[in-house]
Protein backbone atom coordinates (compact mmCIF):
# COMPACT_ATOMS: atom_id res chain seq x y z
CA MET A 1 -8.98 -25.00 66.74
CA ALA A 2 -10.06 -22.58 64.02
CA ARG A 3 -12.18 -20.63 66.50
CA ARG A 4 -9.24 -20.34 68.86
CA SER A 5 -7.00 -19.02 66.04
CA VAL A 6 -9.61 -16.46 64.98
CA PHE A 7 -10.11 -15.39 68.59
CA THR A 8 -6.34 -15.05 69.10
CA LEU A 9 -6.02 -13.05 65.89
CA LEU A 10 -8.86 -10.70 66.91
CA LEU A 11 -7.34 -10.25 70.35
CA LEU A 12 -3.98 -9.36 68.82
CA LEU A 13 -5.55 -6.89 66.39
CA LEU A 14 -7.61 -5.21 69.11
CA GLY A 15 -4.60 -5.11 71.41
CA THR A 16 -2.51 -3.49 68.69
CA GLY A 17 -5.18 -0.84 68.22
CA ALA A 18 -5.29 -0.15 71.94
CA ILE A 19 -1.51 0.22 72.07
CA ALA A 20 -1.59 2.59 69.11
CA GLN A 21 -4.25 4.71 70.82
CA VAL A 22 -2.41 4.81 74.12
CA SER A 23 0.92 5.65 72.52
CA SER A 24 -0.44 8.29 70.12
CA SER A 25 -2.55 10.09 72.74
CA PRO A 26 0.41 11.56 74.72
CA LEU A 27 2.09 12.47 71.42
CA LEU A 28 -1.05 14.19 70.19
CA SER A 29 -1.39 16.05 73.49
CA PHE A 30 2.25 17.17 73.35
CA ASN A 31 1.87 18.38 69.75
CA GLU A 32 -1.32 20.27 70.58
CA LYS A 33 0.47 22.05 73.46
CA GLN A 34 3.41 22.98 71.24
CA ILE A 35 1.12 24.42 68.58
CA ARG A 36 -0.82 26.37 71.22
CA ILE A 37 2.44 27.78 72.62
CA LYS A 38 3.55 28.85 69.14
CA ARG A 39 0.23 30.56 68.45
CA ILE A 40 0.41 32.46 71.73
CA GLY A 41 4.00 33.44 70.99
CA MET A 42 3.11 34.77 67.56
CA LEU A 43 0.11 36.66 68.96
CA THR A 44 2.43 38.23 71.56
CA LEU A 45 4.93 39.28 68.90
CA GLY A 46 2.13 40.56 66.68
CA GLY A 47 0.60 42.50 69.58
CA TRP A 48 3.94 44.14 70.31
CA ALA A 49 4.30 45.05 66.64
CA VAL A 50 0.80 46.52 66.31
CA GLY A 51 1.18 48.48 69.56
CA ASN A 52 4.54 49.90 68.49
CA MET A 53 3.28 50.79 65.04
CA ALA A 54 0.21 52.56 66.46
CA VAL A 55 2.03 54.54 69.15
CA SER A 56 5.12 55.34 67.10
CA GLY A 57 3.09 56.00 63.95
CA VAL A 58 1.24 58.81 65.71
CA SER A 59 4.26 59.98 67.71
CA ALA A 60 6.51 60.26 64.64
CA PHE A 61 4.32 63.08 63.30
CA ASN A 62 4.34 65.00 66.59
CA ALA A 63 7.98 64.52 67.57
CA GLY A 64 11.09 66.27 66.40
CA GLY A 65 14.81 65.60 66.44
CA SER A 66 16.01 62.17 67.50
CA ASN A 67 12.57 61.28 68.90
CA ARG A 68 11.07 61.47 65.42
CA HIS A 69 13.71 59.08 64.07
CA PHE A 70 13.20 56.80 67.08
CA HIS A 71 9.51 56.45 66.28
CA GLN A 72 10.15 56.06 62.55
CA MET A 73 12.50 53.14 63.17
CA ASN A 74 9.99 51.57 65.56
CA VAL A 75 7.42 51.57 62.76
CA TYR A 76 9.89 50.16 60.19
CA TRP A 77 11.11 47.46 62.57
CA ASN A 78 7.65 46.37 63.58
CA VAL A 79 6.41 46.02 60.02
CA VAL A 80 8.91 43.17 59.84
CA ASN A 81 7.88 41.83 63.27
CA LEU A 82 4.22 41.85 62.24
CA ALA A 83 5.01 39.97 59.02
CA LEU A 84 7.03 37.36 60.94
CA ALA A 85 4.26 36.99 63.52
CA GLY A 86 1.65 36.62 60.79
CA PHE A 87 3.58 33.93 58.94
CA GLY A 88 4.40 32.15 62.20
CA TYR A 89 0.79 32.17 63.35
CA TYR A 90 -0.41 30.97 59.97
CA GLY A 91 2.10 28.11 60.04
CA ALA A 92 1.09 27.10 63.57
CA SER A 93 -2.60 27.26 62.66
CA LYS A 94 -2.10 25.03 59.64
CA ALA A 95 -0.10 22.42 61.60
CA ASP A 96 -1.94 19.15 62.14
CA PRO A 97 -1.00 17.72 65.55
CA ALA A 98 -2.55 14.35 64.67
CA GLY A 99 -0.45 14.13 61.52
CA MET A 100 2.87 14.47 63.33
CA ASP A 101 4.69 11.26 64.17
CA LEU A 102 7.41 11.10 66.81
CA ALA A 103 10.21 11.90 64.34
CA LYS A 104 8.37 14.99 63.05
CA THR A 105 7.60 16.07 66.62
CA LEU A 106 11.25 15.83 67.64
CA LYS A 107 12.42 17.64 64.51
CA ASP A 108 9.89 20.43 65.02
CA TYR A 109 10.56 20.80 68.75
CA TYR A 110 14.34 20.94 68.53
CA GLY A 111 14.22 23.03 65.36
CA THR A 112 12.14 25.65 67.18
CA GLU A 113 14.57 25.62 70.10
CA LYS A 114 17.56 26.12 67.80
CA THR A 115 15.80 28.96 66.00
CA LEU A 116 15.05 30.72 69.29
CA LEU A 117 18.65 30.37 70.49
CA PHE A 118 19.95 31.70 67.17
CA ASN A 119 17.49 34.59 67.36
CA ALA A 120 18.64 35.41 70.90
CA GLY A 121 22.17 35.77 69.55
CA LEU A 122 20.89 38.09 66.83
CA ASP A 123 19.01 40.08 69.46
CA VAL A 124 22.23 40.72 71.37
CA GLY A 125 23.72 41.87 68.06
CA TYR A 126 20.80 44.27 67.56
CA ILE A 127 21.32 45.75 71.02
CA LEU A 128 25.04 46.20 70.38
CA GLY A 129 24.33 47.67 66.94
CA GLY A 130 21.91 50.16 68.48
CA LEU A 131 24.48 51.07 71.12
CA TYR A 132 27.04 51.62 68.38
CA LEU A 133 24.68 53.97 66.53
CA THR A 134 23.95 56.03 69.66
CA GLU A 135 27.66 56.30 70.46
CA ARG A 136 28.46 57.23 66.88
CA ALA A 137 25.81 59.96 67.05
CA LYS A 138 27.80 61.75 69.76
CA ASN A 139 30.63 62.54 67.33
CA ALA A 140 28.70 62.73 64.07
CA GLU A 141 28.74 65.96 62.12
CA LYS A 142 25.73 64.98 60.01
CA GLY A 143 22.66 62.94 60.84
CA ARG A 144 23.24 63.03 64.59
CA ASP A 145 19.51 62.93 65.39
CA ARG A 146 18.88 60.10 62.96
CA LEU A 147 21.75 57.98 64.33
CA LYS A 148 20.69 58.58 67.91
CA GLY A 149 16.99 57.91 67.27
CA PHE A 150 17.60 54.83 65.16
CA GLY A 151 20.13 53.52 67.69
CA GLN A 152 17.75 53.93 70.61
CA SER A 153 14.97 52.22 68.68
CA VAL A 154 17.16 49.29 67.65
CA MET A 155 18.27 48.84 71.28
CA LEU A 156 14.64 48.87 72.45
CA GLN A 157 13.48 46.42 69.78
CA GLY A 158 16.50 44.16 70.30
CA GLY A 159 15.88 44.19 74.06
CA PHE A 160 12.24 43.21 73.61
CA LEU A 161 13.13 40.46 71.15
CA LEU A 162 15.78 39.12 73.53
CA LEU A 163 13.19 38.93 76.31
CA PHE A 164 10.62 37.42 73.93
CA ASP A 165 12.95 34.75 72.52
CA THR A 166 14.29 33.87 75.97
CA ALA A 167 10.79 33.59 77.47
CA PHE A 168 9.57 31.54 74.49
CA TYR A 169 12.57 29.21 74.85
CA LEU A 170 11.98 28.79 78.60
CA VAL A 171 8.29 28.00 78.07
CA LEU A 172 9.28 25.33 75.55
CA GLN A 173 11.84 23.97 78.01
CA ARG A 174 9.11 23.56 80.63
CA GLN A 175 7.23 21.41 78.13
CA GLU A 176 10.26 19.21 77.49
CA GLY A 177 9.19 16.98 80.38
CA GLY A 178 6.30 15.82 78.21
CA LEU A 179 8.74 14.98 75.46
CA THR A 180 10.94 13.10 77.91
CA ASN A 181 7.91 11.09 79.05
CA LEU A 182 7.15 10.24 75.43
CA LEU A 183 10.68 8.97 74.92
CA SER A 184 10.96 7.15 78.26
CA GLY A 185 9.61 3.91 76.79
CA LEU A 186 11.98 4.04 73.82
CA THR A 187 14.83 1.53 74.04
CA PHE A 188 17.69 0.84 71.69
CA THR A 189 19.67 -2.36 71.37
CA GLY A 190 22.44 -3.15 68.95
CA ASN A 191 20.07 -4.02 66.15
CA ALA A 192 16.54 -3.07 67.24
CA VAL A 193 14.40 -0.22 68.47
CA ALA A 194 11.42 -0.82 70.74
CA TRP A 195 8.82 1.47 72.23
CA VAL A 196 7.32 0.05 75.41
CA VAL A 197 3.99 1.48 76.50
CA GLN A 198 2.60 0.52 79.88
CA PHE A 199 -1.14 0.69 80.45
């Protein structure tokens, strides 16, 4: 009788470990993908920033009129982009996919989506702000070149950021199927939550 109880207890403990491994493996895989996507996104943003700073940094010295101001604003704008990309990459690199439970994964995933949607709204605002500056330059008595150059730069940068944030969001959306699969075994009743894993 005692042997049977010990055997049953060992079987239950081993079975629990197997369930934990099966259920955490898809979660770990999903988290690793999300972190990889974030790193690639931040490298893309950083690459855009470095490229703009290099080209516009040189061009600002050789250009005159509104073109000079266009390149100056590109450099200013992309200093900020590079800082954001650096902090974002650092944060993604420090993230531990194995240390993220389901609640943390959901919070992180949907938080990133909300941030990208908010940023896309800001990007439209940047484009409109740049358009306003270029239109204002047409009737300005002073600083016409600066308004036009800055406006064109802000429209360009806002346009890129809108494409970037939209593409980043769509890539995350493609990964949502993995999140749906993770949650497919989750069931709620009036007073209990269960996560069923089939293996």
